[in-house]
Protein backbone atom coordinates (compact mmCIF):
# COMPACT_ATOMS: atom_id res chain seq x y z
CA MET A 1 43.91 2.62 -21.61
CA ASN A 2 40.39 1.68 -20.65
CA PRO A 3 40.02 -2.12 -20.98
CA SER A 4 36.62 -1.63 -22.62
CA SER A 5 38.07 0.61 -25.37
CA ARG A 6 39.19 -0.50 -28.81
CA HIS A 7 41.56 1.69 -30.82
CA ALA A 8 40.69 2.03 -34.49
CA SER A 9 43.12 0.39 -36.89
CA LEU A 10 44.49 1.72 -40.19
CA ASP A 11 42.51 -0.91 -42.12
CA LEU A 12 39.00 0.24 -43.04
CA ASN A 13 37.69 -3.30 -43.47
CA GLN A 14 38.85 -4.31 -40.00
CA ASN A 15 37.11 -1.35 -38.44
CA THR A 16 33.81 -1.92 -40.26
CA GLU A 17 33.92 -5.64 -39.49
CA TYR A 18 34.51 -4.92 -35.79
CA ILE A 19 31.50 -2.58 -35.68
CA ARG A 20 29.36 -5.11 -37.55
CA LYS A 21 30.21 -7.89 -35.08
CA ALA A 22 29.81 -5.62 -32.06
CA LEU A 23 26.23 -4.94 -33.19
CA PHE A 24 25.63 -8.63 -33.99
CA ASP A 25 24.91 -7.97 -37.68
CA THR A 26 21.72 -6.11 -36.86
CA HIS A 27 19.71 -5.47 -40.01
CA ASP A 28 19.23 -1.75 -39.39
CA LEU A 29 23.01 -1.18 -39.46
CA LYS A 30 23.92 0.48 -42.75
CA ILE A 31 27.45 0.70 -44.16
CA LYS A 32 27.67 2.93 -47.23
CA HIS A 33 30.94 3.36 -49.11
CA TYR A 34 31.61 7.00 -50.11
CA PRO A 35 35.31 7.52 -51.09
CA PHE A 36 36.94 10.82 -50.25
CA LYS A 37 39.56 12.03 -52.77
CA ASP A 38 40.11 8.50 -54.08
CA THR A 39 40.56 7.21 -50.50
CA PRO A 40 38.21 4.36 -49.61
CA ALA A 41 35.80 5.42 -46.87
CA ALA A 42 32.59 4.20 -45.26
CA LEU A 43 29.60 5.95 -43.73
CA ILE A 44 28.08 3.86 -40.93
CA TYR A 45 24.79 4.49 -39.13
CA LEU A 46 21.70 2.82 -37.67
CA GLU A 47 18.81 3.73 -39.92
CA SER A 48 16.32 3.39 -37.04
CA LEU A 49 18.02 6.19 -35.09
CA VAL A 50 19.15 8.74 -37.70
CA ASP A 51 17.38 11.37 -39.75
CA PRO A 52 17.80 10.42 -43.45
CA VAL A 53 17.12 14.01 -44.52
CA LEU A 54 20.07 15.25 -42.45
CA ILE A 55 22.35 12.58 -43.92
CA GLU A 56 21.36 13.36 -47.48
CA ARG A 57 21.47 17.15 -47.12
CA ASN A 58 24.49 17.60 -44.84
CA ILE A 59 26.73 14.62 -45.66
CA ILE A 60 26.09 13.01 -49.03
CA THR A 61 25.29 16.18 -51.04
CA PRO A 62 28.29 18.21 -49.76
CA MET A 63 30.61 15.28 -50.54
CA SER A 64 29.22 15.00 -54.06
CA PHE A 65 29.70 18.68 -54.92
CA GLY A 66 32.57 19.69 -52.64
CA GLU A 67 35.64 18.78 -54.63
CA GLY A 68 38.87 20.21 -53.32
CA LYS A 69 37.53 20.89 -49.82
CA SER A 70 38.53 19.21 -46.59
CA LEU A 71 36.06 17.22 -44.47
CA SER A 72 35.93 19.95 -41.84
CA GLU A 73 34.82 22.36 -44.56
CA LEU A 74 32.21 19.96 -45.96
CA PHE A 75 30.47 19.13 -42.67
CA THR A 76 30.10 22.66 -41.34
CA THR A 77 26.35 22.31 -40.72
CA LEU A 78 26.77 19.29 -38.44
CA ARG A 79 28.29 18.89 -35.02
CA MET A 80 31.44 16.89 -35.73
CA GLU A 81 34.24 15.45 -33.61
CA LEU A 82 37.23 13.19 -34.16
CA ASN A 83 37.65 9.99 -32.21
CA ARG A 84 39.93 6.95 -32.13
CA ASP A 85 37.95 4.67 -29.82
CA LEU A 86 35.60 2.34 -31.71
CA GLU A 87 33.65 1.58 -28.53
CA GLN A 88 32.85 5.26 -28.12
CA GLY A 89 31.94 5.33 -31.79
CA ILE A 90 29.47 2.48 -31.23
CA GLN A 91 27.94 4.44 -28.36
CA GLY A 92 27.58 7.34 -30.78
CA LEU A 93 25.75 5.06 -33.21
CA MET A 94 23.34 4.11 -30.42
CA GLN A 95 22.61 7.81 -29.88
CA GLY A 96 21.78 8.53 -33.51
CA SER A 97 25.19 9.64 -34.85
CA CYS A 98 26.97 8.61 -38.05
CA LEU A 99 30.56 7.39 -38.28
CA TYR A 100 32.72 8.30 -41.26
CA LEU A 101 35.84 6.10 -41.47
CA LEU A 102 38.67 6.45 -43.98
CA ASP A 103 41.15 3.80 -45.02
CA GLY A 104 44.68 4.36 -43.74
CA ARG A 105 43.60 6.55 -40.81
CA ASP A 106 43.25 5.40 -37.22
CA GLU A 107 40.69 8.11 -36.39
CA PHE A 108 37.15 8.64 -37.61
CA TYR A 109 34.51 11.36 -37.66
CA VAL A 110 31.42 11.25 -35.46
CA LEU A 111 28.61 13.25 -37.07
CA THR A 112 25.48 14.07 -35.06
CA THR A 113 22.38 13.18 -37.12
CA PRO A 114 19.73 11.91 -34.66
CA ALA A 115 16.10 11.51 -35.64
CA THR A 116 13.62 13.40 -33.47
CA TYR A 117 10.01 12.38 -32.98
CA ASP A 118 8.85 14.76 -30.29
CA ARG A 119 5.26 15.08 -29.22
CA SER A 120 3.70 18.47 -28.65
CA ILE A 121 4.39 20.41 -25.45
CA ALA A 122 0.90 19.92 -24.05
CA GLU A 123 -0.42 20.19 -20.51
CA PRO A 124 0.02 16.97 -18.48
CA GLU A 125 -3.27 15.11 -18.16
CA ASN A 126 -2.64 14.21 -14.51
CA GLU A 127 -1.72 17.79 -13.47
CA GLY A 128 -4.30 20.02 -15.07
CA ILE A 129 -4.88 23.51 -13.71
CA VAL A 130 -7.52 26.18 -14.18
CA ARG A 131 -5.21 29.18 -14.40
CA GLY A 132 -1.55 29.35 -15.37
CA PRO A 133 0.80 27.97 -18.07
CA HIS A 134 -0.60 25.01 -19.97
CA ASN A 135 2.58 23.31 -21.11
CA GLY A 136 4.39 20.23 -19.89
CA PHE A 137 7.57 18.23 -20.21
CA ILE A 138 8.07 15.71 -23.01
CA GLU A 139 10.46 12.79 -23.53
CA ASN A 140 13.23 14.99 -24.96
CA LEU A 141 15.63 16.17 -22.24
CA THR A 142 16.93 19.09 -24.31
CA VAL A 143 13.42 20.44 -24.83
CA ASN A 144 12.67 20.07 -21.11
CA LEU A 145 15.80 22.01 -20.17
CA HIS A 146 14.78 24.68 -22.69
CA LEU A 147 11.39 25.04 -21.00
CA ILE A 148 13.07 25.48 -17.62
CA ARG A 149 15.64 28.01 -18.84
CA GLN A 150 12.86 30.01 -20.48
CA GLN A 151 11.37 30.64 -17.04
CA ILE A 152 14.67 30.92 -15.13
CA SER A 153 16.81 33.20 -17.30
CA SER A 154 19.65 33.33 -14.83
CA PRO A 155 23.30 32.24 -15.02
CA ASP A 156 22.87 30.79 -11.53
CA LEU A 157 20.82 27.91 -12.95
CA THR A 158 23.29 25.02 -13.13
CA VAL A 159 22.92 21.73 -15.03
CA ARG A 160 25.08 18.73 -14.26
CA TYR A 161 24.96 15.69 -16.57
CA HIS A 162 25.44 12.15 -15.29
CA SER A 163 25.44 8.78 -17.02
CA VAL A 164 23.49 6.07 -15.21
CA GLY A 165 23.46 2.43 -16.28
CA ASN A 166 26.27 -0.06 -16.77
CA THR A 167 25.06 -1.95 -19.85
CA VAL A 168 22.82 0.69 -21.45
CA PRO A 169 23.85 4.14 -20.15
CA ARG A 170 21.13 6.78 -19.85
CA LYS A 171 21.65 10.52 -19.63
CA VAL A 172 20.53 12.14 -16.39
CA ALA A 173 20.44 15.88 -15.71
CA MET A 174 20.66 17.35 -12.22
CA LEU A 175 19.49 20.97 -11.94
CA TYR A 176 19.86 23.48 -9.13
CA VAL A 177 20.29 27.22 -8.63
CA GLN A 178 23.61 28.39 -7.24
CA ASN A 179 23.50 30.40 -3.99
CA LEU A 180 19.96 29.11 -3.32
CA CYS A 181 20.69 25.40 -3.03
CA ASP A 182 22.66 23.95 -0.14
CA ALA A 183 26.10 22.75 -1.29
CA GLU A 184 25.90 19.75 1.04
CA LEU A 185 22.60 18.73 -0.56
CA VAL A 186 24.18 18.96 -4.03
CA GLN A 187 27.02 16.66 -2.97
CA LYS A 188 24.61 14.20 -1.40
CA VAL A 189 22.48 13.96 -4.56
CA GLU A 190 25.54 13.59 -6.81
CA ARG A 191 26.93 10.88 -4.57
CA ARG A 192 23.70 8.89 -4.66
CA LEU A 193 23.45 9.26 -8.42
CA SER A 194 26.99 7.97 -8.86
CA HIS A 195 26.24 4.97 -6.61
CA ILE A 196 23.32 3.76 -8.73
CA SER A 197 24.47 0.37 -10.04
CA LEU A 198 21.98 -0.98 -12.56
CA ASP A 199 22.23 -2.39 -16.06
CA THR A 200 19.97 0.38 -17.25
CA VAL A 201 17.46 2.93 -15.99
CA ILE A 202 14.10 2.67 -17.73
CA SER A 203 12.32 5.52 -15.95
CA THR A 204 12.69 8.02 -13.12
CA GLY A 205 10.98 5.47 -10.88
CA PHE A 206 14.25 3.49 -10.89
CA ILE A 207 16.18 6.57 -9.76
CA GLN A 208 13.56 7.34 -7.15
CA GLU A 209 13.84 3.91 -5.52
CA MET A 210 17.64 3.89 -5.61
CA MET A 211 17.97 7.34 -3.98
CA GLU A 212 15.37 7.21 -1.19
CA ASP A 213 16.47 7.61 2.43
CA ASN A 214 14.04 4.92 3.55
CA PRO A 215 13.10 2.56 0.68
CA TYR A 216 10.84 0.52 2.98
CA SER A 217 8.54 3.42 3.78
CA ILE A 218 5.16 3.52 2.07
CA PHE A 219 5.27 7.32 1.89
CA PRO A 220 6.89 8.94 -1.18
CA GLN A 221 10.11 10.83 -0.50
CA HIS A 222 10.45 12.51 -3.91
CA LEU A 223 7.92 14.83 -5.48
CA ASN A 224 7.41 14.17 -9.18
CA THR A 225 5.85 16.55 -11.68
CA GLU A 226 5.57 17.10 -15.42
CA ARG A 227 4.95 20.85 -15.14
CA PRO A 228 7.80 23.30 -15.95
CA ASP A 229 6.30 26.08 -13.81
CA ARG A 230 6.10 23.87 -10.74
CA THR A 231 9.63 22.61 -11.33
CA CYS A 232 11.02 26.13 -11.63
CA SER A 233 9.27 27.18 -8.44
CA TYR A 234 10.99 24.47 -6.45
CA LEU A 235 14.33 25.25 -8.08
CA LEU A 236 13.97 28.85 -6.90
CA ASP A 237 13.11 27.51 -3.47
CA GLY A 238 16.51 25.80 -3.17
CA HIS A 239 15.49 22.29 -4.24
CA ILE A 240 17.27 19.97 -6.68
CA VAL A 241 15.60 18.54 -9.78
CA VAL A 242 16.66 15.30 -11.49
CA MET A 243 15.48 14.52 -15.03
CA LEU A 244 16.07 11.52 -17.29
CA GLU A 245 16.40 11.43 -21.06
CA GLY A 246 13.28 9.77 -22.48
CA ASP A 247 11.08 10.47 -19.43
CA PRO A 248 8.86 13.56 -19.01
CA THR A 249 8.87 13.35 -15.22
CA ALA A 250 11.00 15.63 -13.04
CA LEU A 251 12.01 14.40 -9.58
CA ILE A 252 12.13 17.16 -6.96
CA MET A 253 14.20 16.60 -3.84
CA PRO A 254 14.02 16.92 -0.91
CA ALA A 255 10.26 16.63 -0.44
CA CYS A 256 8.26 17.10 2.74
CA PHE A 257 4.86 15.70 3.64
CA PHE A 258 2.91 18.90 3.02
CA THR A 259 4.41 19.49 -0.44
CA PHE A 260 2.28 16.61 -1.74
CA PHE A 261 -0.87 18.62 -0.98
CA GLN A 262 0.19 21.78 -2.84
CA THR A 263 -0.81 22.53 -6.42
CA PRO A 264 0.07 25.35 -8.87
CA ASP A 265 -3.51 26.61 -8.57
CA ASP A 266 -2.84 27.40 -4.91
CA TYR A 267 -0.55 30.19 -6.08
CA ASN A 268 -2.51 31.24 -9.15
CA ASN A 269 -5.67 31.97 -7.15
CA ARG A 270 -6.17 34.57 -4.43
CA TRP A 271 -4.88 33.52 -1.03
CA MET A 272 -8.28 33.22 0.66
CA ILE A 273 -9.63 30.83 -1.97
CA ALA A 274 -6.35 28.89 -2.09
CA SER A 275 -6.31 28.53 1.70
CA PHE A 276 -9.87 27.22 1.75
CA VAL A 277 -9.18 24.67 -0.98
CA ARG A 278 -5.95 23.51 0.67
CA PHE A 279 -7.72 23.10 4.01
CA ILE A 280 -10.39 20.98 2.30
CA ARG A 281 -7.58 18.95 0.74
CA LEU A 282 -6.00 18.25 4.12
CA ILE A 283 -9.39 17.28 5.55
CA SER A 284 -9.79 14.84 2.67
CA PHE A 285 -6.43 13.32 3.64
CA ILE A 286 -7.82 12.47 7.08
CA THR A 287 -11.07 11.19 5.64
CA ALA A 288 -9.38 9.06 2.99
CA PHE A 289 -7.84 6.57 5.40
CA GLN A 290 -9.66 7.08 8.74
CA LEU A 291 -13.35 7.16 7.84
CA PRO A 292 -13.81 3.38 7.22
CA ALA A 293 -11.88 2.55 10.40
CA ILE A 294 -13.91 5.01 12.48
CA TYR A 295 -17.15 3.59 11.09
CA ILE A 296 -16.10 -0.01 11.85
CA ALA A 297 -15.01 0.87 15.40
CA THR A 298 -18.21 2.84 16.02
CA VAL A 299 -20.70 0.18 14.91
CA SER A 300 -18.69 -2.66 16.47
CA PHE A 301 -17.71 -1.26 19.88
CA HIS A 302 -18.82 2.32 20.43
CA SER A 303 -22.33 2.61 19.01
CA ASN A 304 -23.38 4.52 22.17
CA VAL A 305 -21.60 7.63 20.82
CA LEU A 306 -24.21 7.91 18.05
CA PRO A 307 -27.40 9.97 18.49
CA ILE A 308 -30.34 7.67 19.17
CA GLN A 309 -32.05 8.29 15.81
CA LEU A 310 -28.83 7.76 13.87
CA PHE A 311 -28.14 4.63 15.93
CA PHE A 312 -31.44 3.01 14.87
CA THR A 313 -30.81 4.04 11.24
CA VAL A 314 -27.36 2.43 11.19
CA GLN A 315 -28.50 -0.70 13.02
CA GLY A 316 -31.43 -1.06 10.65
CA SER A 317 -29.12 -1.05 7.64
CA LEU A 318 -26.87 -3.68 9.28
CA THR A 319 -29.61 -6.20 10.10
CA ARG A 320 -29.60 -7.71 6.58
CA VAL A 321 -25.81 -8.07 6.39
CA PRO A 322 -24.81 -11.59 7.56
CA TYR A 323 -21.16 -10.83 8.52
CA PRO A 324 -19.23 -8.32 10.69
CA PRO A 325 -18.57 -4.74 9.50
CA ILE A 326 -14.87 -5.48 8.84
CA VAL A 327 -15.77 -8.14 6.26
CA GLU A 328 -18.34 -5.80 4.74
CA ALA A 329 -15.81 -2.98 4.51
CA MET A 330 -13.05 -5.18 3.04
CA PHE A 331 -15.47 -6.59 0.47
CA LEU A 332 -16.69 -3.18 -0.67
CA GLU A 333 -13.19 -1.66 -0.67
CA LEU A 334 -11.93 -4.55 -2.79
CA ILE A 335 -14.73 -4.02 -5.30
CA PHE A 336 -13.93 -0.33 -5.50
CA GLU A 337 -10.20 -1.04 -6.06
CA LEU A 338 -11.08 -3.48 -8.85
CA LEU A 339 -13.31 -0.91 -10.55
CA ARG A 340 -10.67 1.80 -10.12
CA GLU A 341 -7.91 -0.27 -11.70
CA ALA A 342 -10.22 -1.40 -14.50
CA GLY A 343 -11.12 2.22 -15.26
CA LEU A 344 -7.45 3.24 -15.39
CA ARG A 345 -6.32 0.42 -17.68
CA LEU A 346 -9.15 0.67 -20.20
CA PRO A 347 -9.55 3.37 -22.88
CA ASN A 348 -11.22 6.58 -21.73
CA ARG A 349 -14.65 5.89 -23.21
CA VAL A 350 -14.78 2.33 -21.91
CA GLY A 351 -13.33 3.41 -18.56
CA GLN A 352 -16.12 5.94 -18.06
CA THR A 353 -18.66 3.22 -18.82
CA ILE A 354 -17.05 0.92 -16.27
CA GLY A 355 -17.27 3.68 -13.66
CA ILE A 356 -20.96 4.28 -14.33
CA VAL A 357 -21.80 0.59 -14.37
CA GLY A 358 -19.77 -0.08 -11.24
CA GLY A 359 -21.04 2.90 -9.30
CA LEU A 360 -24.73 2.60 -10.15
CA VAL A 361 -25.59 -0.93 -11.22
CA ILE A 362 -23.18 -3.02 -9.13
CA GLY A 363 -23.40 -0.74 -6.08
CA ASP A 364 -27.18 -0.77 -6.02
CA ALA A 365 -27.31 -4.50 -6.70
CA ILE A 366 -25.01 -5.55 -3.84
CA VAL A 367 -26.96 -3.38 -1.39
CA LYS A 368 -30.31 -4.87 -2.45
CA ALA A 369 -28.80 -8.36 -2.26
CA GLY A 370 -27.89 -7.74 1.39
CA LEU A 371 -24.15 -8.13 0.87
CA VAL A 372 -23.37 -4.62 2.19
CA SER A 373 -25.33 -1.93 3.97
CA TYR A 374 -26.35 1.48 2.71
CA THR A 375 -24.23 3.24 5.35
CA MET A 376 -21.10 1.28 4.38
CA THR A 377 -21.68 2.24 0.74
CA ILE A 378 -21.81 5.90 1.75
CA VAL A 379 -18.63 5.57 3.83
CA VAL A 380 -16.66 3.91 1.02
CA ALA A 381 -17.94 6.46 -1.53
CA LEU A 382 -16.84 9.37 0.68
CA THR A 383 -13.47 7.69 1.18
CA ALA A 384 -13.00 7.30 -2.57
CA ILE A 385 -13.94 10.92 -3.28
CA SER A 386 -11.56 12.11 -0.57
CA SER A 387 -8.66 10.13 -2.03
CA PHE A 388 -9.24 11.77 -5.42
CA LEU A 389 -8.78 15.23 -3.88
CA ILE A 390 -5.13 14.52 -3.04
CA PRO A 391 -3.01 16.03 -5.87
CA SER A 392 -0.17 13.48 -5.67
CA ASN A 393 -1.02 10.04 -7.02
CA GLU A 394 1.79 8.48 -4.98
CA MET A 395 0.50 9.94 -1.71
CA SER A 396 -3.05 8.92 -2.63
CA SER A 397 -1.88 5.34 -3.27
CA ALA A 398 -0.08 5.28 0.08
CA LEU A 399 -3.27 6.28 1.90
CA ARG A 400 -5.24 3.61 0.04
CA ILE A 401 -2.94 0.96 1.49
CA ILE A 402 -2.77 2.44 5.00
CA ARG A 403 -6.51 2.29 5.56
CA PHE A 404 -6.58 -1.53 5.37
CA PRO A 405 -4.40 -2.23 8.46
CA LEU A 406 -6.19 0.65 10.21
CA MET A 407 -9.53 -1.05 9.55
CA LEU A 408 -8.19 -4.29 11.03
CA LEU A 409 -7.03 -2.49 14.18
CA ALA A 410 -10.43 -0.81 14.47
CA ALA A 411 -12.24 -4.16 14.11
CA ILE A 412 -10.10 -5.76 16.86
CA PHE A 413 -9.56 -2.94 19.38
CA GLY A 414 -12.01 -0.19 18.42
CA TYR A 415 -10.99 3.42 18.95
CA ILE A 416 -7.95 2.27 20.93
CA GLY A 417 -6.72 0.37 17.86
CA ILE A 418 -7.16 3.45 15.68
CA ALA A 419 -5.23 5.58 18.19
CA PHE A 420 -2.45 2.97 18.30
CA GLY A 421 -2.23 2.82 14.50
CA LEU A 422 -2.15 6.62 14.15
CA THR A 423 0.56 6.83 16.82
CA ILE A 424 2.75 4.33 14.96
CA MET A 425 2.22 6.22 11.70
CA PHE A 426 3.01 9.59 13.30
CA ILE A 427 6.20 8.21 14.88
CA HIS A 428 7.26 6.85 11.48
CA LEU A 429 6.61 10.20 9.80
CA CYS A 430 8.60 12.02 12.49
CA LYS A 431 11.58 9.70 11.96
CA LEU A 432 11.37 9.85 8.15
CA GLU A 433 13.77 12.10 6.25
CA SER A 434 14.20 13.15 2.64
CA PHE A 435 17.88 13.83 1.93
CA GLY A 436 18.42 14.76 5.56
CA LYS A 437 15.43 17.11 5.76
CA PRO A 438 12.67 16.18 8.26
CA TYR A 439 9.65 14.79 6.45
CA LEU A 440 7.12 16.51 8.73
CA TYR A 441 8.72 19.95 8.55
CA PRO A 442 7.54 22.46 9.81
CA ILE A 443 5.54 20.42 12.34
CA ALA A 444 8.37 18.21 13.56
CA PRO A 445 10.64 20.01 14.22
CA PHE A 446 8.24 22.87 14.81
CA LYS A 447 9.00 26.07 12.86
CA LEU A 448 6.49 28.88 13.18
CA LYS A 449 7.63 30.61 9.97
CA GLY A 450 7.10 27.44 7.97
CA LEU A 451 3.38 27.41 8.85
CA LYS A 452 2.78 30.33 6.49
CA ASP A 453 2.49 27.91 3.57
CA THR A 454 1.41 24.63 5.16
CA PHE A 455 -2.17 24.20 6.34
CA LEU A 456 -3.19 27.52 4.81
CA ARG A 457 -1.64 29.64 2.07
CA PHE A 458 -0.81 33.06 3.48
CA PRO A 459 -0.67 36.09 1.14
CA ILE A 460 2.30 36.24 -1.21
CA TRP A 461 3.71 39.39 0.39
CA ILE A 462 3.98 37.47 3.69
CA ILE A 463 5.43 34.15 2.52
CA ARG A 464 7.59 35.43 -0.31
CA LYS A 465 11.24 35.95 0.43
CA LYS A 466 14.58 35.49 -1.31
CA GLY A 467 14.95 31.94 -2.51
CA GLN A 468 11.26 31.05 -2.22
CA GLY A 469 9.13 30.46 -5.30
CA SER A 470 5.56 31.58 -5.66
CA ASN A 471 4.06 28.98 -7.95
CA LYS A 472 4.77 25.51 -6.57
């Protein structure tokens, strides 16, 4: 017998007292005595987790007017099971079930009566699109699985449930499509899920950190989304999706570098427009972390590469600034990061005001005060705009951090420092893997066929094949 189990006794009072002590006499624990055929019995539930309408309609009312019937006949409208383990019964209470215990019996009924407070299936605010389905995942795992099965009406779609958390177990669902997903990948994901040793899992971020190939890398190795259409596309492409009860985010694995620059709109628009937008997005990736470093290296060491008129314009804007360009850049980048975080944490209306005040009033004031130059303000503004073009917030945050050491290398060694920093980053990306798949695929290792949906989005009739989705 499991040492953590406790077999129910024949004494009703002992069983109810054990449950009461196990829950530390919590005030939302309710024990109602409803005898069955002159046999003492108790209905136990946590009022904060159950639906009182279900209890009244499907338990209390049938018992009041169902004389001569057995319990299995009375509770036909509820999912019901018999159990003898009080510890499992307590876990049922924590999931919104009711326990019905009778005196003189060492087994009890577990009746499913959970309360549901689901929000509407609305489009995720951080993944809006122009054309396509406008629905998103919510905090109910069953509803999320329903949204996925609506789009993938195939018996090949497989769901595997796991329980993660030692003290407070949480339900985790692993989804994949048979015959499209690699069996070795399925085993690897299941093994990593089973090795998660935590008291509890609050969000999918916990799972993400515990399952990464390289937890010390700044680059994300799982793609997360709240869109059912995007999730289904990756499932049909042979990927695995992990979802957590109580979290609307789906983790897609494995993930490559270029998947973080793809959006559902790339596949909803015509291929020429989608290719142009994706190319602009990749250009913004380069601009987001290299532009400040290139500017610092140029004005500090390599100003001779500038046209003569532009040289005098840049030097004229730097004459009023009393410190080197690296200090100027760090100061302005820090101000921008402060304004960005303030805008995110405040309500929408106040956040917009902060953005306007920060961008116009503070920006203009620090330039007139001689703390930064006009050209540095333009560089930082272009960098900020470029970082906003990256669809993945995790990838955007990684680039925000990378540009600071790159600016330091540029201030010390100039263009040579930038080249050294980019070489180190490229080597790291080449060595990085996501569940055994190369992170820079199809660049390293080079695969010509993979380029059809990387830098540009080729027409659907060219890139589409068995096992490849069309709406990532």
